[in-house]
Protein backbone atom coordinates (compact mmCIF):
# COMPACT_ATOMS: atom_id res chain seq x y z
CA MET A 1 42.78 16.92 -4.40
CA SER A 2 44.84 13.73 -4.58
CA ASP A 3 44.53 11.33 -7.53
CA ASP A 4 43.63 8.71 -4.83
CA ALA A 5 40.73 10.78 -3.50
CA PRO A 6 37.22 9.44 -4.13
CA GLY A 7 34.83 11.23 -6.40
CA PRO A 8 31.76 10.71 -8.52
CA GLY A 9 32.38 8.18 -11.32
CA LYS A 10 35.93 7.65 -10.15
CA THR A 11 37.71 4.27 -9.93
CA LEU A 12 41.08 3.70 -8.31
CA THR A 13 43.03 0.58 -9.16
CA LEU A 14 46.07 -0.35 -7.06
CA ARG A 15 48.58 -2.97 -8.22
CA LEU A 16 50.85 -5.30 -6.33
CA SER A 17 54.39 -4.21 -5.65
CA LYS A 18 56.40 -5.80 -8.50
CA GLY A 19 59.66 -5.57 -6.52
CA ARG A 20 58.25 -7.57 -3.61
CA TRP A 21 56.92 -10.29 -5.86
CA LEU A 22 60.12 -10.40 -7.89
CA LEU A 23 62.04 -10.90 -4.65
CA MET A 24 59.60 -13.66 -3.65
CA LEU A 25 60.10 -15.35 -7.04
CA ALA A 26 63.90 -15.22 -6.81
CA ALA A 27 63.99 -16.41 -3.22
CA SER A 28 61.51 -19.25 -3.88
CA ALA A 29 63.37 -20.39 -6.98
CA ALA A 30 66.68 -20.36 -5.11
CA LEU A 31 65.19 -22.35 -2.22
CA ALA A 32 63.52 -24.84 -4.66
CA TYR A 33 66.88 -25.34 -6.44
CA GLY A 34 68.69 -25.83 -3.10
CA SER A 35 66.04 -28.33 -1.90
CA PHE A 36 66.25 -30.33 -5.12
CA ARG A 37 70.03 -30.52 -4.75
CA LEU A 38 69.43 -32.39 -1.50
CA LEU A 39 67.66 -35.29 -3.29
CA PRO A 40 70.60 -37.67 -3.42
CA GLU A 41 71.31 -37.51 0.34
CA HIS A 42 67.87 -36.55 1.76
CA PHE A 43 65.19 -37.67 -0.70
CA TRP A 44 62.07 -36.64 1.31
CA ILE A 45 63.44 -33.34 2.47
CA GLY A 46 64.57 -32.50 -1.04
CA THR A 47 61.31 -33.60 -2.59
CA LEU A 48 58.98 -31.87 -0.11
CA GLY A 49 61.09 -28.71 0.16
CA GLY A 50 61.63 -28.53 -3.59
CA ALA A 51 57.92 -29.02 -4.33
CA PHE A 52 56.86 -26.43 -1.76
CA PHE A 53 59.33 -23.76 -2.89
CA ALA A 54 58.60 -24.44 -6.59
CA LEU A 55 54.87 -23.90 -5.82
CA CYS A 56 55.78 -20.65 -4.03
CA ALA A 57 57.76 -19.56 -7.14
CA LEU A 58 54.82 -20.40 -9.34
CA VAL A 59 52.44 -18.30 -7.21
CA ALA A 60 54.89 -15.40 -7.33
CA LEU A 61 55.22 -15.75 -11.11
CA LEU A 62 51.44 -15.84 -11.56
CA ASN A 63 51.04 -12.74 -9.41
CA LEU A 64 53.40 -10.87 -11.75
CA LEU A 65 51.26 -11.56 -14.82
CA PRO A 66 49.09 -8.60 -16.06
CA GLY A 67 45.58 -8.71 -14.69
CA ALA A 68 46.39 -11.36 -12.06
CA SER A 69 46.02 -9.20 -8.93
CA HIS A 70 44.72 -5.74 -8.01
CA LEU A 71 42.60 -3.79 -5.57
CA ARG A 72 39.94 -1.67 -7.27
CA LEU A 73 37.98 1.01 -5.39
CA ASP A 74 34.77 2.63 -6.73
CA ALA A 75 31.64 4.28 -5.40
CA GLU A 76 29.94 0.91 -4.65
CA GLY A 77 32.82 -0.89 -2.89
CA PHE A 78 36.07 -2.63 -3.54
CA GLU A 79 37.22 -5.61 -5.60
CA MET A 80 40.18 -7.72 -4.56
CA ARG A 81 41.71 -9.78 -7.31
CA SER A 82 44.29 -12.38 -6.54
CA LEU A 83 45.57 -15.07 -8.89
CA PHE A 84 42.88 -14.15 -11.37
CA ARG A 85 40.05 -14.68 -8.87
CA SER A 86 37.97 -11.70 -7.84
CA HIS A 87 35.95 -10.94 -4.70
CA ARG A 88 33.79 -7.88 -4.28
CA VAL A 89 32.74 -6.17 -1.00
CA ALA A 90 30.26 -3.31 -0.83
CA TRP A 91 31.16 -0.28 1.36
CA ARG A 92 27.82 -0.62 3.23
CA GLU A 93 28.95 -4.11 4.40
CA VAL A 94 32.15 -2.78 6.08
CA ALA A 95 32.17 -1.28 9.60
CA SER A 96 35.77 0.01 9.42
CA PHE A 97 39.29 -0.69 8.25
CA GLY A 98 42.39 -0.95 10.45
CA VAL A 99 45.91 -2.40 10.60
CA ILE A 100 46.66 -6.01 11.56
CA GLN A 101 50.06 -7.33 12.62
CA VAL A 102 50.42 -10.97 11.51
CA MET A 103 53.88 -12.14 12.57
CA VAL A 104 56.17 -9.70 10.78
CA ASN A 105 53.64 -8.70 8.18
CA ARG A 106 51.34 -5.61 8.58
CA MET A 107 48.07 -5.95 6.69
CA VAL A 108 44.80 -4.06 6.28
CA GLY A 109 41.85 -5.75 7.93
CA TRP A 110 38.18 -4.92 8.29
CA ASN A 111 35.08 -5.88 10.30
CA PHE A 112 31.74 -6.35 8.61
CA THR A 113 28.59 -4.48 9.70
CA ALA A 114 26.30 -6.21 12.15
CA GLY A 115 23.82 -7.11 9.41
CA HIS A 116 26.32 -8.81 7.17
CA SER A 117 25.79 -12.52 6.61
CA GLY A 118 28.15 -15.11 5.31
CA HIS A 119 31.32 -16.87 6.40
CA GLY A 120 30.17 -16.61 10.06
CA HIS A 121 32.57 -19.22 11.51
CA LEU A 122 35.53 -17.99 9.51
CA ARG A 123 34.79 -14.34 10.51
CA LYS A 124 34.73 -15.33 14.16
CA LEU A 125 37.94 -17.27 13.87
CA ASN A 126 39.69 -14.39 12.10
CA ALA A 127 38.37 -11.86 14.65
CA GLY A 128 39.66 -14.06 17.50
CA LEU A 129 43.14 -14.31 15.93
CA SER A 130 43.67 -10.80 14.65
CA GLY A 131 40.84 -8.54 15.87
CA PHE A 132 39.41 -8.21 12.32
CA GLU A 133 37.02 -10.48 10.45
CA ALA A 134 38.80 -10.21 7.04
CA ALA A 135 41.91 -8.81 5.45
CA LEU A 136 43.39 -7.67 2.17
CA PRO A 137 46.01 -9.99 0.73
CA ASP A 138 48.57 -7.17 0.04
CA THR A 139 49.21 -3.52 0.76
CA TYR A 140 49.68 -2.68 -2.93
CA GLY A 141 52.92 -0.77 -2.56
CA ARG A 142 51.74 1.31 0.40
CA THR A 143 52.13 1.12 4.15
CA ALA A 144 49.28 -0.76 5.85
CA GLN A 145 48.27 2.45 7.67
CA ALA A 146 48.19 4.56 4.50
CA LEU A 147 46.10 1.89 2.75
CA ALA A 148 43.67 1.57 5.74
CA ASP A 149 43.28 5.37 5.77
CA LEU A 150 42.64 5.40 2.00
CA MET A 151 40.01 2.60 2.35
CA ASN A 152 38.31 4.42 5.22
CA ALA A 153 38.21 7.72 3.22
CA TRP A 154 36.66 5.95 0.19
CA ARG A 155 34.14 4.17 2.44
CA ALA A 156 33.12 7.43 4.25
CA TRP A 157 32.76 9.29 0.96
CA ALA A 158 30.66 6.54 -0.67
CA LEU A 159 28.31 6.20 2.36
CA GLN A 160 27.88 9.95 2.53
CA ALA A 161 27.19 10.18 -1.20
CA ARG A 162 24.57 7.45 -0.89
CA GLY A 163 23.05 9.11 2.16
CA ASP A 164 23.79 6.11 4.46
């Protein structure tokens, strides 16, 4: 049995890929520096570009801090934590998980069950754009397909254990 496999009393916590976020930090910092160097000749381009890329670097830096971001799976559902803010979704609220292609990025998305309420307009917009009503912010060092399969396995186990 894999360490990732669900089980009674088990919790699985997945962390962001440090390498990906270090690359984002370095690229954003370099682009911010380059943008600010444009200030003497192109004030608005340098200011707007520098501010945008500095903000991107700050987000990357915050994501690298301990406890800032994770995906935690347990018998009741999953918790997404991003930039120190958490959101919890119960397995019984999810119909299924799958893979979304958003430009060059592959992500894990899901649809809610028919009885789920909340965020109705946003869910419809998301479903129209990607085919899924919601998505995880990262793949936590895995391929999108491997993470979707893992999420579906935990969901199936939890619903079976509850008798749903």
